[in-house]
Amino acid sequence: MKDTLNEYRVFPRLFAIFYLYWMSEVLVWAMALHNPKEAEWLVAAVIAGAAAYFKFYVETGCNK
């Protein structure tokens, strides 16, 4: 079972799905603000975190 989870990278994929959902919610929230400039630092941090996570995810593939 553990090998199967590692082979299909279940937890990193679930986290990637969660992160994409969270990123979209942050973007929708920021665009709904009266003055979106107030939250630009948060949006920038979330998007930069996504770039860092996906870079890490792609570089740590399963080696067979």
N, C-alpha and C. Protein backbone atom coordinates (compact mmCIF):
# COMPACT_ATOMS: atom_id res chain seq x y z
N MET A 1 0.82 -1.20 0.00
CA MET A 1 0.00 0.00 0.00
C MET A 1 0.87 1.27 0.00
N LYS A 2 1.90 1.25 0.83
CA LYS A 2 2.78 2.42 0.91
C LYS A 2 3.49 2.67 -0.42
N ASP A 3 3.91 1.58 -1.07
CA ASP A 3 4.57 1.73 -2.37
C ASP A 3 3.63 2.30 -3.41
N THR A 4 2.37 1.89 -3.36
CA THR A 4 1.38 2.40 -4.31
C THR A 4 1.16 3.90 -4.10
N LEU A 5 1.05 4.33 -2.84
CA LEU A 5 0.88 5.76 -2.56
C LEU A 5 2.08 6.56 -3.04
N ASN A 6 3.28 6.02 -2.82
CA ASN A 6 4.48 6.70 -3.28
C ASN A 6 4.59 6.71 -4.79
N GLU A 7 4.20 5.60 -5.42
CA GLU A 7 4.31 5.50 -6.88
C GLU A 7 3.39 6.50 -7.58
N TYR A 8 2.18 6.63 -7.09
CA TYR A 8 1.22 7.55 -7.72
C TYR A 8 1.28 8.96 -7.14
N ARG A 9 2.13 9.17 -6.15
CA ARG A 9 2.33 10.49 -5.53
C ARG A 9 0.98 11.11 -5.13
N VAL A 10 0.22 10.36 -4.34
CA VAL A 10 -1.14 10.75 -3.98
C VAL A 10 -1.15 12.04 -3.16
N PHE A 11 -0.35 12.11 -2.12
CA PHE A 11 -0.39 13.28 -1.24
C PHE A 11 0.08 14.56 -1.93
N PRO A 12 1.16 14.52 -2.71
CA PRO A 12 1.52 15.76 -3.43
C PRO A 12 0.45 16.20 -4.42
N ARG A 13 -0.22 15.24 -5.06
CA ARG A 13 -1.28 15.59 -6.01
C ARG A 13 -2.49 16.18 -5.30
N LEU A 14 -2.84 15.61 -4.15
CA LEU A 14 -3.96 16.18 -3.37
C LEU A 14 -3.62 17.59 -2.91
N PHE A 15 -2.38 17.80 -2.47
CA PHE A 15 -1.98 19.12 -2.03
C PHE A 15 -2.00 20.10 -3.20
N ALA A 16 -1.60 19.65 -4.38
CA ALA A 16 -1.63 20.52 -5.57
C ALA A 16 -3.06 20.93 -5.90
N ILE A 17 -3.99 19.99 -5.80
CA ILE A 17 -5.40 20.31 -6.06
C ILE A 17 -5.90 21.30 -5.03
N PHE A 18 -5.58 21.07 -3.76
CA PHE A 18 -5.98 22.00 -2.71
C PHE A 18 -5.38 23.38 -2.96
N TYR A 19 -4.12 23.44 -3.34
CA TYR A 19 -3.46 24.73 -3.54
C TYR A 19 -4.07 25.49 -4.70
N LEU A 20 -4.42 24.79 -5.78
CA LEU A 20 -5.07 25.45 -6.91
C LEU A 20 -6.43 26.01 -6.50
N TYR A 21 -7.18 25.24 -5.72
CA TYR A 21 -8.47 25.72 -5.23
C TYR A 21 -8.29 26.95 -4.34
N TRP A 22 -7.33 26.88 -3.43
CA TRP A 22 -7.10 27.99 -2.51
C TRP A 22 -6.64 29.24 -3.27
N MET A 23 -5.78 29.04 -4.27
CA MET A 23 -5.31 30.16 -5.07
C MET A 23 -6.46 30.82 -5.82
N SER A 24 -7.37 30.03 -6.36
CA SER A 24 -8.51 30.61 -7.06
C SER A 24 -9.43 31.36 -6.11
N GLU A 25 -9.61 30.83 -4.90
CA GLU A 25 -10.45 31.52 -3.92
C GLU A 25 -9.83 32.85 -3.50
N VAL A 26 -8.53 32.89 -3.33
CA VAL A 26 -7.85 34.14 -2.96
C VAL A 26 -7.99 35.16 -4.09
N LEU A 27 -7.84 34.71 -5.33
CA LEU A 27 -7.97 35.63 -6.46
C LEU A 27 -9.39 36.19 -6.59
N VAL A 28 -10.38 35.34 -6.41
CA VAL A 28 -11.78 35.80 -6.48
C VAL A 28 -12.07 36.78 -5.34
N TRP A 29 -11.58 36.46 -4.16
CA TRP A 29 -11.78 37.35 -3.01
C TRP A 29 -11.13 38.71 -3.25
N ALA A 30 -9.90 38.70 -3.76
CA ALA A 30 -9.18 39.95 -3.98
C ALA A 30 -9.87 40.79 -5.06
N MET A 31 -10.38 40.15 -6.10
CA MET A 31 -11.05 40.90 -7.16
C MET A 31 -12.39 41.47 -6.71
N ALA A 32 -12.99 40.87 -5.69
CA ALA A 32 -14.27 41.36 -5.18
C ALA A 32 -14.11 42.54 -4.23
N LEU A 33 -12.90 42.82 -3.80
CA LEU A 33 -12.68 43.95 -2.90
C LEU A 33 -12.94 45.27 -3.61
N HIS A 34 -13.34 46.27 -2.82
CA HIS A 34 -13.57 47.60 -3.39
C HIS A 34 -12.27 48.18 -3.93
N ASN A 35 -11.19 47.97 -3.19
CA ASN A 35 -9.87 48.44 -3.61
C ASN A 35 -8.91 47.24 -3.60
N PRO A 36 -8.75 46.53 -4.71
CA PRO A 36 -7.91 45.32 -4.73
C PRO A 36 -6.44 45.58 -4.43
N LYS A 37 -6.00 46.82 -4.53
CA LYS A 37 -4.59 47.13 -4.23
C LYS A 37 -4.24 46.81 -2.78
N GLU A 38 -5.26 46.79 -1.91
CA GLU A 38 -5.01 46.50 -0.49
C GLU A 38 -4.55 45.07 -0.27
N ALA A 39 -4.89 44.16 -1.15
CA ALA A 39 -4.56 42.76 -0.97
C ALA A 39 -3.55 42.23 -1.98
N GLU A 40 -2.90 43.12 -2.69
CA GLU A 40 -1.99 42.65 -3.73
C GLU A 40 -0.80 41.89 -3.16
N TRP A 41 -0.37 42.21 -1.95
CA TRP A 41 0.74 41.48 -1.33
C TRP A 41 0.35 40.04 -1.04
N LEU A 42 -0.90 39.82 -0.60
CA LEU A 42 -1.35 38.47 -0.32
C LEU A 42 -1.47 37.65 -1.61
N VAL A 43 -2.03 38.23 -2.63
CA VAL A 43 -2.16 37.53 -3.91
C VAL A 43 -0.78 37.20 -4.48
N ALA A 44 0.14 38.13 -4.38
CA ALA A 44 1.49 37.89 -4.88
C ALA A 44 2.17 36.76 -4.10
N ALA A 45 1.98 36.72 -2.80
CA ALA A 45 2.58 35.66 -1.98
C ALA A 45 1.99 34.30 -2.31
N VAL A 46 0.68 34.23 -2.52
CA VAL A 46 0.03 32.96 -2.83
C VAL A 46 0.49 32.45 -4.19
N ILE A 47 0.58 33.33 -5.17
CA ILE A 47 1.00 32.91 -6.51
C ILE A 47 2.49 32.52 -6.51
N ALA A 48 3.31 33.25 -5.77
CA ALA A 48 4.73 32.88 -5.67
C ALA A 48 4.88 31.54 -4.97
N GLY A 49 4.07 31.30 -3.96
CA GLY A 49 4.11 29.99 -3.29
C GLY A 49 3.71 28.87 -4.22
N ALA A 50 2.73 29.13 -5.09
CA ALA A 50 2.31 28.11 -6.06
C ALA A 50 3.44 27.80 -7.02
N ALA A 51 4.13 28.81 -7.49
CA ALA A 51 5.25 28.59 -8.40
C ALA A 51 6.34 27.76 -7.72
N ALA A 52 6.63 28.08 -6.49
CA ALA A 52 7.66 27.33 -5.76
C ALA A 52 7.23 25.89 -5.53
N TYR A 53 5.97 25.68 -5.14
CA TYR A 53 5.50 24.32 -4.89
C TYR A 53 5.52 23.48 -6.16
N PHE A 54 5.01 24.01 -7.25
CA PHE A 54 4.95 23.23 -8.48
C PHE A 54 6.34 22.96 -9.05
N LYS A 55 7.28 23.87 -8.84
CA LYS A 55 8.66 23.61 -9.24
C LYS A 55 9.21 22.44 -8.44
N PHE A 56 8.96 22.44 -7.14
CA PHE A 56 9.41 21.35 -6.28
C PHE A 56 8.73 20.04 -6.68
N TYR A 57 7.45 20.10 -6.97
CA TYR A 57 6.69 18.90 -7.34
C TYR A 57 7.22 18.28 -8.63
N VAL A 58 7.52 19.10 -9.61
CA VAL A 58 8.00 18.58 -10.89
C VAL A 58 9.41 18.01 -10.76
N GLU A 59 10.25 18.65 -9.98
CA GLU A 59 11.64 18.21 -9.86
C GLU A 59 11.81 16.96 -9.01
N THR A 60 10.82 16.57 -8.22
CA THR A 60 10.95 15.42 -7.34
C THR A 60 10.09 14.27 -7.83
N GLY A 61 10.22 13.93 -9.08
CA GLY A 61 9.45 12.83 -9.66
C GLY A 61 9.95 11.49 -9.15
N CYS A 62 9.17 10.46 -9.37
CA CYS A 62 9.56 9.11 -8.97
C CYS A 62 10.66 8.60 -9.90
N ASN A 63 11.69 8.08 -9.30
CA ASN A 63 12.79 7.50 -10.09
C ASN A 63 12.62 5.99 -10.10
N LYS A 64 12.44 5.42 -11.27
CA LYS A 64 12.28 3.96 -11.35
C LYS A 64 13.48 3.35 -12.03
